[in-house]
PDB file of all heavy atoms in Angstrom:
ATOM      1  N   ILE A   1      22.212   3.212   2.162  1.00  0.00           N
ATOM      2  CA  ILE A   1      21.594   2.106   1.427  1.00  0.00           C
ATOM      3  C   ILE A   1      20.236   2.575   0.910  1.00  0.00           C
ATOM      4  O   ILE A   1      19.353   2.934   1.696  1.00  0.00           O
ATOM      5  CB  ILE A   1      21.411   0.865   2.319  1.00  0.00           C
ATOM      6  CG1 ILE A   1      22.727   0.482   3.004  1.00  0.00           C
ATOM      7  CG2 ILE A   1      20.853  -0.301   1.495  1.00  0.00           C
ATOM      8  CD1 ILE A   1      23.835   0.092   2.067  1.00  0.00           C
ATOM      9  N   VAL A   2      20.078   2.574  -0.397  1.00  0.00           N
ATOM     10  CA  VAL A   2      18.808   2.919  -1.035  1.00  0.00           C
ATOM     11  C   VAL A   2      18.189   1.614  -1.523  1.00  0.00           C
ATOM     12  O   VAL A   2      18.813   0.876  -2.295  1.00  0.00           O
ATOM     13  CB  VAL A   2      19.022   3.881  -2.219  1.00  0.00           C
ATOM     14  CG1 VAL A   2      17.688   4.215  -2.879  1.00  0.00           C
ATOM     15  CG2 VAL A   2      19.738   5.143  -1.761  1.00  0.00           C
ATOM     16  N   THR A   3      16.976   1.309  -1.076  1.00  0.00           N
ATOM     17  CA  THR A   3      16.414  -0.009  -1.405  1.00  0.00           C
ATOM     18  C   THR A   3      14.899   0.043  -1.569  1.00  0.00           C
ATOM     19  O   THR A   3      14.220   0.870  -0.956  1.00  0.00           O
ATOM     20  CB  THR A   3      16.796  -1.041  -0.324  1.00  0.00           C
ATOM     21  OG1 THR A   3      16.370  -2.348  -0.746  1.00  0.00           O
ATOM     22  CG2 THR A   3      16.170  -0.712   1.027  1.00  0.00           C
ATOM     23  N   ASN A   4      14.400  -0.854  -2.401  1.00  0.00           N
ATOM     24  CA  ASN A   4      12.955  -1.100  -2.488  1.00  0.00           C
ATOM     25  C   ASN A   4      12.587  -2.394  -1.776  1.00  0.00           C
ATOM     26  O   ASN A   4      11.446  -2.853  -1.841  1.00  0.00           O
ATOM     27  CB  ASN A   4      12.520  -1.181  -3.954  1.00  0.00           C
ATOM     28  CG  ASN A   4      13.082  -2.395  -4.675  1.00  0.00           C
ATOM     29  OD1 ASN A   4      14.123  -2.943  -4.297  1.00  0.00           O
ATOM     30  ND2 ASN A   4      12.414  -2.820  -5.739  1.00  0.00           N
ATOM     31  N   ASN A   5      13.559  -2.987  -1.088  1.00  0.00           N
ATOM     32  CA  ASN A   5      13.432  -4.290  -0.429  1.00  0.00           C
ATOM     33  C   ASN A   5      12.984  -4.059   1.015  1.00  0.00           C
ATOM     34  O   ASN A   5      13.804  -3.776   1.887  1.00  0.00           O
ATOM     35  CB  ASN A   5      14.806  -4.992  -0.488  1.00  0.00           C
ATOM     36  CG  ASN A   5      14.778  -6.415  -0.008  1.00  0.00           C
ATOM     37  OD1 ASN A   5      13.991  -6.779   0.859  1.00  0.00           O
ATOM     38  ND2 ASN A   5      15.671  -7.231  -0.547  1.00  0.00           N
ATOM     39  N   LEU A   6      11.682  -4.164   1.277  1.00  0.00           N
ATOM     40  CA  LEU A   6      11.170  -3.819   2.602  1.00  0.00           C
ATOM     41  C   LEU A   6      11.698  -4.732   3.710  1.00  0.00           C
ATOM     42  O   LEU A   6      12.075  -4.231   4.781  1.00  0.00           O
ATOM     43  CB  LEU A   6       9.637  -3.823   2.589  1.00  0.00           C
ATOM     44  CG  LEU A   6       8.973  -2.756   1.720  1.00  0.00           C
ATOM     45  CD1 LEU A   6       7.479  -2.720   1.979  1.00  0.00           C
ATOM     46  CD2 LEU A   6       9.581  -1.385   1.937  1.00  0.00           C
ATOM     47  N   PRO A   7      11.756  -6.050   3.528  1.00  0.00           N
ATOM     48  CA  PRO A   7      12.346  -6.887   4.586  1.00  0.00           C
ATOM     49  C   PRO A   7      13.795  -6.509   4.878  1.00  0.00           C
ATOM     50  O   PRO A   7      14.220  -6.480   6.035  1.00  0.00           O
ATOM     51  CB  PRO A   7      12.237  -8.312   4.025  1.00  0.00           C
ATOM     52  CG  PRO A   7      11.106  -8.250   3.052  1.00  0.00           C
ATOM     53  CD  PRO A   7      11.195  -6.894   2.441  1.00  0.00           C
ATOM     54  N   ALA A   8      14.561  -6.185   3.838  1.00  0.00           N
ATOM     55  CA  ALA A   8      15.956  -5.777   4.044  1.00  0.00           C
ATOM     56  C   ALA A   8      16.030  -4.449   4.784  1.00  0.00           C
ATOM     57  O   ALA A   8      16.882  -4.261   5.666  1.00  0.00           O
ATOM     58  CB  ALA A   8      16.671  -5.676   2.702  1.00  0.00           C
ATOM     59  N   ALA A   9      15.152  -3.513   4.448  1.00  0.00           N
ATOM     60  CA  ALA A   9      15.160  -2.208   5.114  1.00  0.00           C
ATOM     61  C   ALA A   9      14.913  -2.356   6.610  1.00  0.00           C
ATOM     62  O   ALA A   9      15.534  -1.666   7.428  1.00  0.00           O
ATOM     63  CB  ALA A   9      14.107  -1.297   4.483  1.00  0.00           C
ATOM     64  N   LEU A  10      14.028  -3.259   6.984  1.00  0.00           N
ATOM     65  CA  LEU A  10      13.751  -3.482   8.410  1.00  0.00           C
ATOM     66  C   LEU A  10      14.976  -4.040   9.128  1.00  0.00           C
ATOM     67  O   LEU A  10      15.270  -3.652  10.263  1.00  0.00           O
ATOM     68  CB  LEU A  10      12.567  -4.441   8.567  1.00  0.00           C
ATOM     69  CG  LEU A  10      11.197  -3.876   8.194  1.00  0.00           C
ATOM     70  CD1 LEU A  10      10.145  -4.980   8.231  1.00  0.00           C
ATOM     71  CD2 LEU A  10      10.808  -2.736   9.123  1.00  0.00           C
ATOM     72  N   VAL A  11      15.696  -4.936   8.472  1.00  0.00           N
ATOM     73  CA  VAL A  11      16.922  -5.491   9.064  1.00  0.00           C
ATOM     74  C   VAL A  11      17.977  -4.402   9.225  1.00  0.00           C
ATOM     75  O   VAL A  11      18.636  -4.286  10.263  1.00  0.00           O
ATOM     76  CB  VAL A  11      17.465  -6.644   8.187  1.00  0.00           C
ATOM     77  CG1 VAL A  11      18.874  -7.036   8.604  1.00  0.00           C
ATOM     78  CG2 VAL A  11      16.541  -7.852   8.280  1.00  0.00           C
ATOM     79  N   LEU A  12      18.135  -3.574   8.212  1.00  0.00           N
ATOM     80  CA  LEU A  12      19.201  -2.574   8.202  1.00  0.00           C
ATOM     81  C   LEU A  12      18.904  -1.381   9.109  1.00  0.00           C
ATOM     82  O   LEU A  12      19.837  -0.672   9.530  1.00  0.00           O
ATOM     83  CB  LEU A  12      19.428  -2.078   6.768  1.00  0.00           C
ATOM     84  CG  LEU A  12      19.912  -3.143   5.777  1.00  0.00           C
ATOM     85  CD1 LEU A  12      19.939  -2.569   4.368  1.00  0.00           C
ATOM     86  CD2 LEU A  12      21.282  -3.668   6.166  1.00  0.00           C
ATOM     87  N   ALA A  13      17.637  -1.145   9.409  1.00  0.00           N
ATOM     88  CA  ALA A  13      17.259   0.033  10.197  1.00  0.00           C
ATOM     89  C   ALA A  13      17.859   0.010  11.602  1.00  0.00           C
ATOM     90  O   ALA A  13      17.982   1.067  12.240  1.00  0.00           O
ATOM     91  CB  ALA A  13      15.745   0.141  10.271  1.00  0.00           C
ATOM     92  N   ASP A  14      18.240  -1.153  12.113  1.00  0.00           N
ATOM     93  CA  ASP A  14      18.791  -1.262  13.464  1.00  0.00           C
ATOM     94  C   ASP A  14      20.289  -0.955  13.527  1.00  0.00           C
ATOM     95  O   ASP A  14      20.868  -0.998  14.616  1.00  0.00           O
ATOM     96  CB  ASP A  14      18.554  -2.678  14.016  1.00  0.00           C
ATOM     97  CG  ASP A  14      17.092  -2.903  14.371  1.00  0.00           C
ATOM     98  OD1 ASP A  14      16.406  -1.910  14.666  1.00  0.00           O
ATOM     99  OD2 ASP A  14      16.657  -4.061  14.350  1.00  0.00           O
ATOM    100  N   ARG A  15      20.924  -0.675  12.392  1.00  0.00           N
ATOM    101  CA  ARG A  15      22.371  -0.434  12.384  1.00  0.00           C
ATOM    102  C   ARG A  15      22.631   1.073  12.373  1.00  0.00           C
ATOM    103  O   ARG A  15      22.365   1.750  11.372  1.00  0.00           O
ATOM    104  CB  ARG A  15      22.997  -1.124  11.177  1.00  0.00           C
ATOM    105  CG  ARG A  15      22.773  -2.632  11.313  1.00  0.00           C
ATOM    106  CD  ARG A  15      23.303  -3.433  10.185  1.00  0.00           C
ATOM    107  NE  ARG A  15      22.731  -4.771  10.255  1.00  0.00           N
ATOM    108  CZ  ARG A  15      22.881  -5.690   9.345  1.00  0.00           C
ATOM    109  NH1 ARG A  15      23.592  -5.449   8.274  1.00  0.00           N
ATOM    110  NH2 ARG A  15      22.322  -6.878   9.484  1.00  0.00           N
ATOM    111  N   PRO A  16      23.131   1.624  13.467  1.00  0.00           N
ATOM    112  CA  PRO A  16      23.168   3.081  13.643  1.00  0.00           C
ATOM    113  C   PRO A  16      24.036   3.828  12.651  1.00  0.00           C
ATOM    114  O   PRO A  16      23.776   4.999  12.352  1.00  0.00           O
ATOM    115  CB  PRO A  16      23.680   3.253  15.078  1.00  0.00           C
ATOM    116  CG  PRO A  16      24.354   1.970  15.422  1.00  0.00           C
ATOM    117  CD  PRO A  16      23.630   0.908  14.663  1.00  0.00           C
ATOM    118  N   ARG A  17      25.075   3.203  12.100  1.00  0.00           N
ATOM    119  CA  ARG A  17      25.976   3.920  11.200  1.00  0.00           C
ATOM    120  C   ARG A  17      25.488   3.890   9.746  1.00  0.00           C
ATOM    121  O   ARG A  17      26.011   4.622   8.909  1.00  0.00           O
ATOM    122  CB  ARG A  17      27.387   3.352  11.302  1.00  0.00           C
ATOM    123  CG  ARG A  17      27.987   3.472  12.713  1.00  0.00           C
ATOM    124  CD  ARG A  17      29.396   2.930  12.774  1.00  0.00           C
ATOM    125  NE  ARG A  17      30.340   3.785  12.047  1.00  0.00           N
ATOM    126  CZ  ARG A  17      31.562   3.395  11.689  1.00  0.00           C
ATOM    127  NH1 ARG A  17      31.970   2.159  11.970  1.00  0.00           N
ATOM    128  NH2 ARG A  17      32.372   4.217  11.066  1.00  0.00           N
ATOM    129  N   LEU A  18      24.522   3.056   9.467  1.00  0.00           N
ATOM    130  CA  LEU A  18      23.941   3.019   8.127  1.00  0.00           C
ATOM    131  C   LEU A  18      22.824   4.060   8.019  1.00  0.00           C
ATOM    132  O   LEU A  18      22.051   4.264   8.953  1.00  0.00           O
ATOM    133  CB  LEU A  18      23.342   1.646   7.828  1.00  0.00           C
ATOM    134  CG  LEU A  18      24.285   0.468   7.609  1.00  0.00           C
ATOM    135  CD1 LEU A  18      23.466  -0.796   7.384  1.00  0.00           C
ATOM    136  CD2 LEU A  18      25.221   0.715   6.434  1.00  0.00           C
ATOM    137  N   THR A  19      22.736   4.688   6.844  1.00  0.00           N
ATOM    138  CA  THR A  19      21.569   5.510   6.501  1.00  0.00           C
ATOM    139  C   THR A  19      20.742   4.711   5.509  1.00  0.00           C
ATOM    140  O   THR A  19      21.248   4.321   4.443  1.00  0.00           O
ATOM    141  CB  THR A  19      22.000   6.841   5.870  1.00  0.00           C
ATOM    142  OG1 THR A  19      22.800   7.563   6.806  1.00  0.00           O
ATOM    143  CG2 THR A  19      20.785   7.675   5.492  1.00  0.00           C
ATOM    144  N   VAL A  20      19.498   4.439   5.848  1.00  0.00           N
ATOM    145  CA  VAL A  20      18.641   3.588   5.011  1.00  0.00           C
ATOM    146  C   VAL A  20      17.535   4.444   4.402  1.00  0.00           C
ATOM    147  O   VAL A  20      16.782   5.107   5.122  1.00  0.00           O
ATOM    148  CB  VAL A  20      18.042   2.425   5.820  1.00  0.00           C
ATOM    149  CG1 VAL A  20      17.186   1.544   4.911  1.00  0.00           C
ATOM    150  CG2 VAL A  20      19.148   1.603   6.476  1.00  0.00           C
ATOM    151  N   ILE A  21      17.446   4.434   3.087  1.00  0.00           N
ATOM    152  CA  ILE A  21      16.411   5.162   2.358  1.00  0.00           C
ATOM    153  C   ILE A  21      15.570   4.152   1.596  1.00  0.00           C
ATOM    154  O   ILE A  21      16.098   3.393   0.774  1.00  0.00           O
ATOM    155  CB  ILE A  21      17.019   6.181   1.381  1.00  0.00           C
ATOM    156  CG1 ILE A  21      17.868   7.207   2.138  1.00  0.00           C
ATOM    157  CG2 ILE A  21      15.928   6.864   0.561  1.00  0.00           C
ATOM    158  CD1 ILE A  21      18.639   8.145   1.227  1.00  0.00           C
ATOM    159  N   THR A  22      14.274   4.123   1.885  1.00  0.00           N
ATOM    160  CA  THR A  22      13.382   3.217   1.158  1.00  0.00           C
ATOM    161  C   THR A  22      12.770   3.951  -0.031  1.00  0.00           C
ATOM    162  O   THR A  22      12.382   5.111   0.072  1.00  0.00           O
ATOM    163  CB  THR A  22      12.267   2.681   2.063  1.00  0.00           C
ATOM    164  OG1 THR A  22      11.584   3.778   2.674  1.00  0.00           O
ATOM    165  CG2 THR A  22      12.831   1.771   3.132  1.00  0.00           C
ATOM    166  N   LEU A  23      12.692   3.256  -1.142  1.00  0.00           N
ATOM    167  CA  LEU A  23      12.143   3.838  -2.362  1.00  0.00           C
ATOM    168  C   LEU A  23      10.622   3.843  -2.320  1.00  0.00           C
ATOM    169  O   LEU A  23      10.006   2.892  -1.811  1.00  0.00           O
ATOM    170  CB  LEU A  23      12.631   3.056  -3.576  1.00  0.00           C
ATOM    171  CG  LEU A  23      14.121   3.238  -3.894  1.00  0.00           C
ATOM    172  CD1 LEU A  23      14.609   2.128  -4.818  1.00  0.00           C
ATOM    173  CD2 LEU A  23      14.367   4.606  -4.511  1.00  0.00           C
ATOM    174  N   PRO A  24       9.983   4.883  -2.862  1.00  0.00           N
ATOM    175  CA  PRO A  24       8.525   4.943  -2.848  1.00  0.00           C
ATOM    176  C   PRO A  24       7.924   4.014  -3.895  1.00  0.00           C
ATOM    177  O   PRO A  24       8.617   3.534  -4.790  1.00  0.00           O
ATOM    178  CB  PRO A  24       8.242   6.407  -3.193  1.00  0.00           C
ATOM    179  CG  PRO A  24       9.394   6.782  -4.083  1.00  0.00           C
ATOM    180  CD  PRO A  24      10.579   6.039  -3.530  1.00  0.00           C
ATOM    181  N   GLY A  25       6.623   3.793  -3.777  1.00  0.00           N
ATOM    182  CA  GLY A  25       5.928   3.014  -4.790  1.00  0.00           C
ATOM    183  C   GLY A  25       4.993   1.993  -4.189  1.00  0.00           C
ATOM    184  O   GLY A  25       4.982   1.750  -2.985  1.00  0.00           O
ATOM    185  N   MET A  26       4.191   1.391  -5.053  1.00  0.00           N
ATOM    186  CA  MET A  26       3.251   0.349  -4.645  1.00  0.00           C
ATOM    187  C   MET A  26       4.002  -0.923  -4.289  1.00  0.00           C
ATOM    188  O   MET A  26       4.937  -1.321  -4.988  1.00  0.00           O
ATOM    189  CB  MET A  26       2.271   0.067  -5.780  1.00  0.00           C
ATOM    190  CG  MET A  26       1.196  -0.955  -5.446  1.00  0.00           C
ATOM    191  SD  MET A  26       0.098  -1.246  -6.841  1.00  0.00           S
ATOM    192  CE  MET A  26       1.204  -2.045  -7.998  1.00  0.00           C
ATOM    193  N   ILE A  27       3.603  -1.570  -3.207  1.00  0.00           N
ATOM    194  CA  ILE A  27       4.276  -2.787  -2.753  1.00  0.00           C
ATOM    195  C   ILE A  27       3.711  -3.997  -3.486  1.00  0.00           C
ATOM    196  O   ILE A  27       2.498  -4.243  -3.477  1.00  0.00           O
ATOM    197  CB  ILE A  27       4.124  -2.970  -1.231  1.00  0.00           C
ATOM    198  CG1 ILE A  27       4.636  -1.736  -0.490  1.00  0.00           C
ATOM    199  CG2 ILE A  27       4.860  -4.224  -0.775  1.00  0.00           C
ATOM    200  CD1 ILE A  27       6.066  -1.378  -0.795  1.00  0.00           C
ATOM    201  N   ARG A  28       4.585  -4.750  -4.107  1.00  0.00           N
ATOM    202  CA  ARG A  28       4.192  -6.007  -4.760  1.00  0.00           C
ATOM    203  C   ARG A  28       4.338  -7.130  -3.738  1.00  0.00           C
ATOM    204  O   ARG A  28       5.434  -7.415  -3.265  1.00  0.00           O
ATOM    205  CB  ARG A  28       5.090  -6.249  -5.974  1.00  0.00           C
ATOM    206  CG  ARG A  28       4.663  -7.431  -6.815  1.00  0.00           C
ATOM    207  CD  ARG A  28       5.371  -7.410  -8.168  1.00  0.00           C
ATOM    208  NE  ARG A  28       4.960  -8.562  -8.944  1.00  0.00           N
ATOM    209  CZ  ARG A  28       5.754  -9.582  -9.277  1.00  0.00           C
ATOM    210  NH1 ARG A  28       7.019  -9.557  -8.897  1.00  0.00           N
ATOM    211  NH2 ARG A  28       5.289 -10.602  -9.962  1.00  0.00           N
ATOM    212  N   GLY A  29       3.217  -7.757  -3.399  1.00  0.00           N
ATOM    213  CA  GLY A  29       3.200  -8.720  -2.306  1.00  0.00           C
ATOM    214  C   GLY A  29       4.131  -9.895  -2.501  1.00  0.00           C
ATOM    215  O   GLY A  29       4.744 -10.371  -1.548  1.00  0.00           O
ATOM    216  N   LEU A  30       4.259 -10.377  -3.732  1.00  0.00           N
ATOM    217  CA  LEU A  30       5.060 -11.567  -3.992  1.00  0.00           C
ATOM    218  C   LEU A  30       6.525 -11.359  -3.647  1.00  0.00           C
ATOM    219  O   LEU A  30       7.196 -12.248  -3.136  1.00  0.00           O
ATOM    220  CB  LEU A  30       4.915 -11.967  -5.465  1.00  0.00           C
ATOM    221  CG  LEU A  30       5.435 -13.347  -5.858  1.00  0.00           C
ATOM    222  CD1 LEU A  30       4.659 -14.451  -5.170  1.00  0.00           C
ATOM    223  CD2 LEU A  30       5.365 -13.516  -7.367  1.00  0.00           C
ATOM    224  N   THR A  31       7.039 -10.138  -3.914  1.00  0.00           N
ATOM    225  CA  THR A  31       8.442  -9.846  -3.656  1.00  0.00           C
ATOM    226  C   THR A  31       8.651  -8.914  -2.469  1.00  0.00           C
ATOM    227  O   THR A  31       9.795  -8.650  -2.091  1.00  0.00           O
ATOM    228  CB  THR A  31       9.098  -9.204  -4.898  1.00  0.00           C
ATOM    229  OG1 THR A  31       8.350  -8.025  -5.260  1.00  0.00           O
ATOM    230  CG2 THR A  31       9.109 -10.173  -6.060  1.00  0.00           C
ATOM    231  N   GLN A  32       7.547  -8.382  -1.912  1.00  0.00           N
ATOM    232  CA  GLN A  32       7.615  -7.433  -0.795  1.00  0.00           C
ATOM    233  C   GLN A  32       8.532  -6.260  -1.147  1.00  0.00           C
ATOM    234  O   GLN A  32       9.372  -5.833  -0.344  1.00  0.00           O
ATOM    235  CB  GLN A  32       8.061  -8.136   0.489  1.00  0.00           C
ATOM    236  CG  GLN A  32       7.071  -9.196   0.948  1.00  0.00           C
ATOM    237  CD  GLN A  32       7.498  -9.910   2.203  1.00  0.00           C
ATOM    238  OE1 GLN A  32       8.139  -9.328   3.068  1.00  0.00           O
ATOM    239  NE2 GLN A  32       7.146 -11.192   2.324  1.00  0.00           N
ATOM    240  N   ALA A  33       8.342  -5.737  -2.341  1.00  0.00           N
ATOM    241  CA  ALA A  33       9.172  -4.652  -2.850  1.00  0.00           C
ATOM    242  C   ALA A  33       8.297  -3.551  -3.430  1.00  0.00           C
ATOM    243  O   ALA A  33       7.210  -3.814  -3.949  1.00  0.00           O
ATOM    244  CB  ALA A  33      10.112  -5.178  -3.930  1.00  0.00           C
ATOM    245  N   SER A  34       8.794  -2.311  -3.357  1.00  0.00           N
ATOM    246  CA  SER A  34       8.105  -1.200  -4.008  1.00  0.00           C
ATOM    247  C   SER A  34       8.485  -1.196  -5.482  1.00  0.00           C
ATOM    248  O   SER A  34       9.661  -1.156  -5.836  1.00  0.00           O
ATOM    249  CB  SER A  34       8.471   0.122  -3.337  1.00  0.00           C
ATOM    250  OG  SER A  34       9.870   0.272  -3.224  1.00  0.00           O
ATOM    251  N   VAL A  35       7.465  -1.283  -6.331  1.00  0.00           N
ATOM    252  CA  VAL A  35       7.704  -1.462  -7.765  1.00  0.00           C
ATOM    253  C   VAL A  35       6.609  -0.735  -8.550  1.00  0.00           C
ATOM    254  O   VAL A  35       5.516  -1.262  -8.729  1.00  0.00           O
ATOM    255  CB  VAL A  35       7.682  -2.955  -8.157  1.00  0.00           C
ATOM    256  CG1 VAL A  35       7.983  -3.119  -9.637  1.00  0.00           C
ATOM    257  CG2 VAL A  35       8.680  -3.759  -7.349  1.00  0.00           C
ATOM    258  N   ASP A  36       6.884   0.471  -8.986  1.00  0.00           N
ATOM    259  CA  ASP A  36       5.992   1.141  -9.932  1.00  0.00           C
ATOM    260  C   ASP A  36       6.688   2.376 -10.478  1.00  0.00           C
ATOM    261  O   ASP A  36       7.901   2.556 -10.309  1.00  0.00           O
ATOM    262  CB  ASP A  36       4.632   1.466  -9.310  1.00  0.00           C
ATOM    263  CG  ASP A  36       4.683   2.544  -8.232  1.00  0.00           C
ATOM    264  OD1 ASP A  36       5.764   3.107  -7.983  1.00  0.00           O
ATOM    265  OD2 ASP A  36       3.629   2.831  -7.629  1.00  0.00           O
ATOM    266  N   GLY A  37       5.932   3.251 -11.137  1.00  0.00           N
ATOM    267  CA  GLY A  37       6.513   4.429 -11.744  1.00  0.00           C
ATOM    268  C   GLY A  37       7.154   5.372 -10.741  1.00  0.00           C
ATOM    269  O   GLY A  37       8.157   6.033 -11.048  1.00  0.00           O
ATOM    270  N   TRP A  38       6.587   5.490  -9.545  1.00  0.00           N
ATOM    271  CA  TRP A  38       7.202   6.331  -8.509  1.00  0.00           C
ATOM    272  C   TRP A  38       8.600   5.814  -8.179  1.00  0.00           C
ATOM    273  O   TRP A  38       9.528   6.591  -7.968  1.00  0.00           O
ATOM    274  CB  TRP A  38       6.348   6.331  -7.245  1.00  0.00           C
ATOM    275  CG  TRP A  38       5.107   7.152  -7.344  1.00  0.00           C
ATOM    276  CD1 TRP A  38       4.718   7.932  -8.393  1.00  0.00           C
ATOM    277  CD2 TRP A  38       4.086   7.267  -6.357  1.00  0.00           C
ATOM    278  NE1 TRP A  38       3.515   8.517  -8.124  1.00  0.00           N
ATOM    279  CE2 TRP A  38       3.097   8.129  -6.880  1.00  0.00           C
ATOM    280  CE3 TRP A  38       3.898   6.720  -5.089  1.00  0.00           C
ATOM    281  CZ2 TRP A  38       1.948   8.465  -6.175  1.00  0.00           C
ATOM    282  CZ3 TRP A  38       2.754   7.059  -4.380  1.00  0.00           C
ATOM    283  CH2 TRP A  38       1.788   7.911  -4.912  1.00  0.00           C
ATOM    284  N   THR A  39       8.736   4.488  -8.102  1.00  0.00           N
ATOM    285  CA  THR A  39      10.029   3.893  -7.772  1.00  0.00           C
ATOM    286  C   THR A  39      11.077   4.246  -8.824  1.00  0.00           C
ATOM    287  O   THR A  39      12.187   4.686  -8.491  1.00  0.00           O
ATOM    288  CB  THR A  39       9.897   2.363  -7.658  1.00  0.00           C
ATOM    289  OG1 THR A  39       8.685   2.018  -6.988  1.00  0.00           O
ATOM    290  CG2 THR A  39      11.077   1.771  -6.903  1.00  0.00           C
ATOM    291  N   THR A  40      10.728   4.048 -10.088  1.00  0.00           N
ATOM    292  CA  THR A  40      11.696   4.317 -11.153  1.00  0.00           C
ATOM    293  C   THR A  40      12.027   5.806 -11.249  1.00  0.00           C
ATOM    294  O   THR A  40      13.186   6.171 -11.477  1.00  0.00           O
ATOM    295  CB  THR A  40      11.189   3.797 -12.504  1.00  0.00           C
ATOM    296  OG1 THR A  40       9.893   4.359 -12.780  1.00  0.00           O
ATOM    297  CG2 THR A  40      11.066   2.289 -12.508  1.00  0.00           C
ATOM    298  N   ARG A  41      11.016   6.660 -11.055  1.00  0.00           N
ATOM    299  CA  ARG A  41      11.280   8.103 -11.145  1.00  0.00           C
ATOM    300  C   ARG A  41      12.231   8.561 -10.039  1.00  0.00           C
ATOM    301  O   ARG A  41      13.091   9.418 -10.273  1.00  0.00           O
ATOM    302  CB  ARG A  41       9.970   8.886 -11.098  1.00  0.00           C
ATOM    303  CG  ARG A  41       9.182   8.829 -12.398  1.00  0.00           C
ATOM    304  CD  ARG A  41       8.072   9.859 -12.443  1.00  0.00           C
ATOM    305  NE  ARG A  41       7.023   9.570 -11.482  1.00  0.00           N
ATOM    306  CZ  ARG A  41       5.997   8.772 -11.709  1.00  0.00           C
ATOM    307  NH1 ARG A  41       5.890   8.150 -12.876  1.00  0.00           N
ATOM    308  NH2 ARG A  41       5.057   8.580 -10.790  1.00  0.00           N
ATOM    309  N   ARG A  42      12.087   8.007  -8.840  1.00  0.00           N
ATOM    310  CA  ARG A  42      13.007   8.383  -7.761  1.00  0.00           C
ATOM    311  C   ARG A  42      14.430   7.923  -8.090  1.00  0.00           C
ATOM    312  O   ARG A  42      15.402   8.647  -7.860  1.00  0.00           O
ATOM    313  CB  ARG A  42      12.534   7.766  -6.442  1.00  0.00           C
ATOM    314  CG  ARG A  42      13.392   8.128  -5.231  1.00  0.00           C
ATOM    315  CD  ARG A  42      13.404   9.631  -4.973  1.00  0.00           C
ATOM    316  NE  ARG A  42      14.183   9.972  -3.804  1.00  0.00           N
ATOM    317  CZ  ARG A  42      13.723   9.997  -2.555  1.00  0.00           C
ATOM    318  NH1 ARG A  42      12.454   9.707  -2.321  1.00  0.00           N
ATOM    319  NH2 ARG A  42      14.500  10.332  -1.555  1.00  0.00           N
ATOM    320  N   LEU A  43      14.563   6.722  -8.628  1.00  0.00           N
ATOM    321  CA  LEU A  43      15.883   6.203  -8.979  1.00  0.00           C
ATOM    322  C   LEU A  43      16.551   7.066 -10.053  1.00  0.00           C
ATOM    323  O   LEU A  43      17.775   7.222 -10.054  1.00  0.00           O
ATOM    324  CB  LEU A  43      15.769   4.760  -9.462  1.00  0.00           C
ATOM    325  CG  LEU A  43      15.562   3.711  -8.369  1.00  0.00           C
ATOM    326  CD1 LEU A  43      15.045   2.411  -8.965  1.00  0.00           C
ATOM    327  CD2 LEU A  43      16.862   3.470  -7.604  1.00  0.00           C
TER     328      LEU A  43
END
């Protein structure tokens, strides 16, 4: 699971068979997501 959704990443991190990759970037407080040029470049 590749995500910029930080609350979702925390939920998924406890599941041993899932591999969770969080996307880099500045966190936007309103959505609690990484959203900037670093994020798009990684994608």
